[in-house]
Amino acid sequence: MARLDQLGWHSSRAFPALLALCAVLTTACTSSKGTADEKSESPASTVSAAPSKSVSMDPAEAAKAEAISAYQSYWTELPKAYAVPAIEGTELQRYTAAEALAKAQAGVANLKTLGQIMTGAPVLTNPTVTGAELDKKTPNVTISACLDVLPWKVIQKDTGQPAPLPSSRATKYVVIALVERWDDGWKVLKSTPHGDQQC
């Protein structure tokens, strides 16, 4: 029987420890621009149409929305990697860096060693910015959300049988992430589960 501790699951919470240091959900989201276009009408015979007007979102709020979108995309791409398991073929590296990427790579390696995959995906809800340092050289935000890992299953690849999990595990709890804005976009540096904080 595969050892779940090798995969990094806490015996009391049954959540990969590799995710504890990961820096975002269940629905695929692209980066939000945070604007609403209101195209002005112009006669069909007019050669030069009036330029489109837009209502700009406050820059700080736009930045927070982009960070949340990146976190959501992280939680879309991570299950894809664990379902193979392989980082290649996913956009995980687009949304992660530092500890988050290293832990994802370690998780993929552990799954391969154990002959396991993960099916389904966790459900991330109510991602909310709880802290922001947008004036720093490298802007960052802290995001708190609720994560439901019950739909995310560890499967033995050769048999298709689910791996046994501790009955006392927490399956829905608060996760807190640190996300930074790099030159090529927002990156999740880590995402820490708080199994003692149910949501």
Protein backbone atom coordinates (compact mmCIF):
# COMPACT_ATOMS: atom_id res chain seq x y z
CA MET A 1 0.00 0.00 0.00
CA ALA A 2 1.38 3.44 -0.92
CA ARG A 3 2.45 5.58 1.98
CA LEU A 4 0.50 8.82 2.01
CA ASP A 5 3.10 10.49 4.16
CA GLN A 6 5.50 10.16 1.25
CA LEU A 7 3.10 12.23 -0.79
CA GLY A 8 3.04 14.76 1.97
CA TRP A 9 -0.44 14.26 3.41
CA HIS A 10 -0.98 15.29 7.01
CA SER A 11 -2.42 12.37 8.89
CA SER A 12 -4.90 14.63 10.65
CA ARG A 13 -5.89 16.69 7.67
CA ALA A 14 -5.13 14.56 4.67
CA PHE A 15 -3.90 17.48 2.64
CA PRO A 16 -0.58 17.41 0.80
CA ALA A 17 2.06 19.18 2.83
CA LEU A 18 3.54 20.19 -0.48
CA LEU A 19 0.48 22.38 -0.90
CA ALA A 20 1.01 23.89 2.54
CA LEU A 21 3.84 25.96 1.13
CA CYS A 22 2.28 26.44 -2.28
CA ALA A 23 1.37 29.83 -2.95
CA VAL A 24 -5.09 29.62 -6.06
CA LEU A 25 -9.91 27.01 -7.30
CA THR A 26 -11.99 25.16 -9.30
CA THR A 27 -12.88 27.17 -12.31
CA ALA A 28 -10.44 28.18 -15.02
CA CYS A 29 -10.04 31.95 -15.04
CA THR A 30 -8.01 34.24 -17.24
CA SER A 31 -6.53 37.50 -16.05
CA SER A 32 -9.29 40.06 -15.58
CA LYS A 33 -8.73 43.49 -17.06
CA GLY A 34 -11.30 45.00 -14.74
CA THR A 35 -12.88 47.29 -17.39
CA ALA A 36 -16.27 47.57 -19.03
CA ASP A 37 -16.30 48.78 -22.63
CA GLU A 38 -19.10 51.07 -23.66
CA LYS A 39 -18.86 51.50 -27.40
CA SER A 40 -20.33 54.73 -28.65
CA GLU A 41 -22.76 54.49 -31.50
CA SER A 42 -21.90 56.12 -34.79
CA PRO A 43 -23.74 56.36 -38.11
CA ALA A 44 -22.93 53.62 -40.57
CA SER A 45 -21.96 56.21 -43.17
CA THR A 46 -19.34 57.79 -40.93
CA VAL A 47 -15.80 56.82 -41.93
CA SER A 48 -14.16 57.57 -38.57
CA ALA A 49 -16.15 56.10 -35.70
CA ALA A 50 -15.94 57.70 -32.31
CA PRO A 51 -13.34 55.92 -30.10
CA SER A 52 -14.62 53.46 -27.54
CA LYS A 53 -14.93 54.79 -24.05
CA SER A 54 -14.23 52.73 -20.96
CA VAL A 55 -14.75 53.15 -17.26
CA SER A 56 -11.41 52.43 -15.62
CA MET A 57 -11.27 50.50 -12.37
CA ASP A 58 -9.22 51.94 -9.55
CA PRO A 59 -5.62 50.74 -10.15
CA ALA A 60 -5.37 49.17 -6.71
CA GLU A 61 -8.63 47.28 -7.14
CA ALA A 62 -7.58 46.18 -10.62
CA ALA A 63 -4.31 44.82 -9.23
CA LYS A 64 -6.15 42.89 -6.53
CA ALA A 65 -8.53 41.43 -9.10
CA GLU A 66 -5.61 40.31 -11.26
CA ALA A 67 -3.92 38.67 -8.27
CA ILE A 68 -7.10 36.78 -7.40
CA SER A 69 -7.44 35.67 -11.01
CA ALA A 70 -3.88 34.32 -10.97
CA TYR A 71 -4.60 32.44 -7.75
CA GLN A 72 -7.72 30.92 -9.26
CA SER A 73 -5.74 29.91 -12.34
CA TYR A 74 -3.15 28.29 -10.08
CA TRP A 75 -5.86 26.06 -8.60
CA THR A 76 -7.01 25.21 -12.11
CA GLU A 77 -3.55 24.21 -13.33
CA LEU A 78 -2.28 22.35 -10.24
CA PRO A 79 -4.90 19.56 -10.47
CA LYS A 80 -4.03 19.17 -14.16
CA ALA A 81 -0.40 18.56 -13.23
CA TYR A 82 -1.29 16.07 -10.51
CA ALA A 83 -3.65 14.19 -12.81
CA VAL A 84 -0.82 13.18 -15.18
CA PRO A 85 1.40 13.62 -13.10
CA ALA A 86 3.63 16.19 -14.87
CA ILE A 87 4.14 19.93 -14.90
CA GLU A 88 4.65 19.85 -18.66
CA GLY A 89 1.49 20.43 -20.62
CA THR A 90 0.05 22.80 -18.02
CA GLU A 91 0.36 26.53 -17.45
CA LEU A 92 1.38 26.04 -13.84
CA GLN A 93 4.71 27.79 -14.34
CA ARG A 94 2.87 30.84 -15.62
CA TYR A 95 1.13 31.28 -12.29
CA THR A 96 3.67 29.98 -9.76
CA ALA A 97 7.18 30.74 -8.59
CA ALA A 98 9.57 30.07 -5.75
CA GLU A 99 8.16 27.74 -3.08
CA ALA A 100 4.85 27.15 -4.82
CA LEU A 101 6.48 25.89 -8.00
CA ALA A 102 9.08 23.86 -6.11
CA LYS A 103 6.39 22.16 -4.01
CA ALA A 104 4.28 21.44 -7.08
CA GLN A 105 7.28 19.83 -8.76
CA ALA A 106 7.97 17.81 -5.61
CA GLY A 107 4.33 16.71 -5.50
CA VAL A 108 4.50 15.51 -9.11
CA ALA A 109 7.70 13.60 -8.35
CA ASN A 110 6.15 11.95 -5.27
CA LEU A 111 3.07 10.88 -7.20
CA LYS A 112 5.27 9.31 -9.86
CA THR A 113 7.30 7.47 -7.23
CA LEU A 114 4.15 6.16 -5.55
CA GLY A 115 2.49 5.24 -8.83
CA GLN A 116 -0.42 7.54 -8.06
CA ILE A 117 -2.41 10.31 -9.69
CA MET A 118 -5.00 12.74 -8.37
CA THR A 119 -8.40 13.00 -10.00
CA GLY A 120 -11.05 15.66 -9.70
CA ALA A 121 -10.16 19.11 -8.41
CA PRO A 122 -10.45 21.10 -5.20
CA VAL A 123 -13.10 23.81 -4.98
CA LEU A 124 -11.88 27.29 -4.09
CA THR A 125 -14.52 29.80 -3.00
CA ASN A 126 -14.66 33.38 -1.78
CA PRO A 127 -11.06 34.42 -2.55
CA THR A 128 -10.59 37.75 -0.80
CA VAL A 129 -7.60 40.09 -0.57
CA THR A 130 -6.85 40.54 3.12
CA GLY A 131 -3.60 42.46 2.74
CA ALA A 132 -1.83 44.39 0.00
CA GLU A 133 1.55 46.06 -0.47
CA LEU A 134 1.11 47.54 -3.92
CA ASP A 135 3.65 50.36 -3.55
CA LYS A 136 6.60 48.03 -3.06
CA LYS A 137 9.15 47.39 -5.81
CA THR A 138 7.55 43.95 -6.15
CA PRO A 139 3.87 44.44 -5.29
CA ASN A 140 2.20 41.64 -3.38
CA VAL A 141 -1.16 40.72 -1.93
CA THR A 142 -2.36 38.22 0.64
CA ILE A 143 -5.44 36.23 -0.32
CA SER A 144 -7.70 34.26 1.99
CA ALA A 145 -10.14 31.72 0.57
CA CYS A 146 -12.06 28.57 1.41
CA LEU A 147 -10.77 25.32 -0.08
CA ASP A 148 -12.78 22.11 -0.34
CA VAL A 149 -10.48 19.17 -1.14
CA LEU A 150 -13.14 16.47 -0.83
CA PRO A 151 -13.60 16.17 -4.62
CA TRP A 152 -9.82 15.78 -5.10
CA LYS A 153 -8.93 12.08 -4.89
CA VAL A 154 -5.64 10.20 -4.72
CA ILE A 155 -5.82 7.16 -7.00
CA GLN A 156 -3.47 4.23 -7.44
CA LYS A 157 -2.64 4.47 -11.13
CA ASP A 158 -2.30 0.75 -11.88
CA THR A 159 -5.49 -0.36 -10.12
CA GLY A 160 -7.64 2.75 -10.25
CA GLN A 161 -8.41 2.27 -6.57
CA PRO A 162 -8.53 5.26 -4.22
CA ALA A 163 -5.78 5.56 -1.65
CA PRO A 164 -6.96 5.22 1.98
CA LEU A 165 -7.20 8.51 3.84
CA PRO A 166 -7.49 9.25 7.56
CA SER A 167 -11.12 9.51 8.63
CA SER A 168 -10.31 12.49 10.85
CA ARG A 169 -9.02 14.61 7.99
CA ALA A 170 -10.29 18.13 7.43
CA THR A 171 -11.67 18.53 3.93
CA LYS A 172 -12.86 22.13 3.83
CA TYR A 173 -10.82 24.88 5.40
CA VAL A 174 -9.19 28.28 5.00
CA VAL A 175 -6.15 28.72 2.77
CA ILE A 176 -3.99 31.84 2.79
CA ALA A 177 -1.79 32.69 -0.18
CA LEU A 178 0.97 35.14 -0.95
CA VAL A 179 0.89 36.40 -4.54
CA GLU A 180 3.44 38.75 -6.13
CA ARG A 181 3.39 40.75 -9.35
CA TRP A 182 6.38 39.91 -11.53
CA ASP A 183 7.28 41.32 -14.94
CA ASP A 184 5.31 38.57 -16.68
CA GLY A 185 2.30 38.65 -14.38
CA TRP A 186 1.10 37.72 -10.91
CA LYS A 187 2.73 34.65 -9.37
CA VAL A 188 1.58 32.51 -6.45
CA LEU A 189 4.55 32.08 -4.12
CA LYS A 190 2.83 29.94 -1.53
CA SER A 191 -0.60 28.81 -0.34
CA THR A 192 -0.91 27.65 3.24
CA PRO A 193 -3.82 25.51 4.43
CA HIS A 194 -5.28 26.09 7.89
CA GLY A 195 -7.02 22.82 8.64
CA ASP A 196 -8.13 24.05 12.03
CA GLN A 197 -10.11 26.87 10.44
CA GLN A 198 -13.16 25.33 8.81
CA CYS A 199 -15.18 27.36 6.36
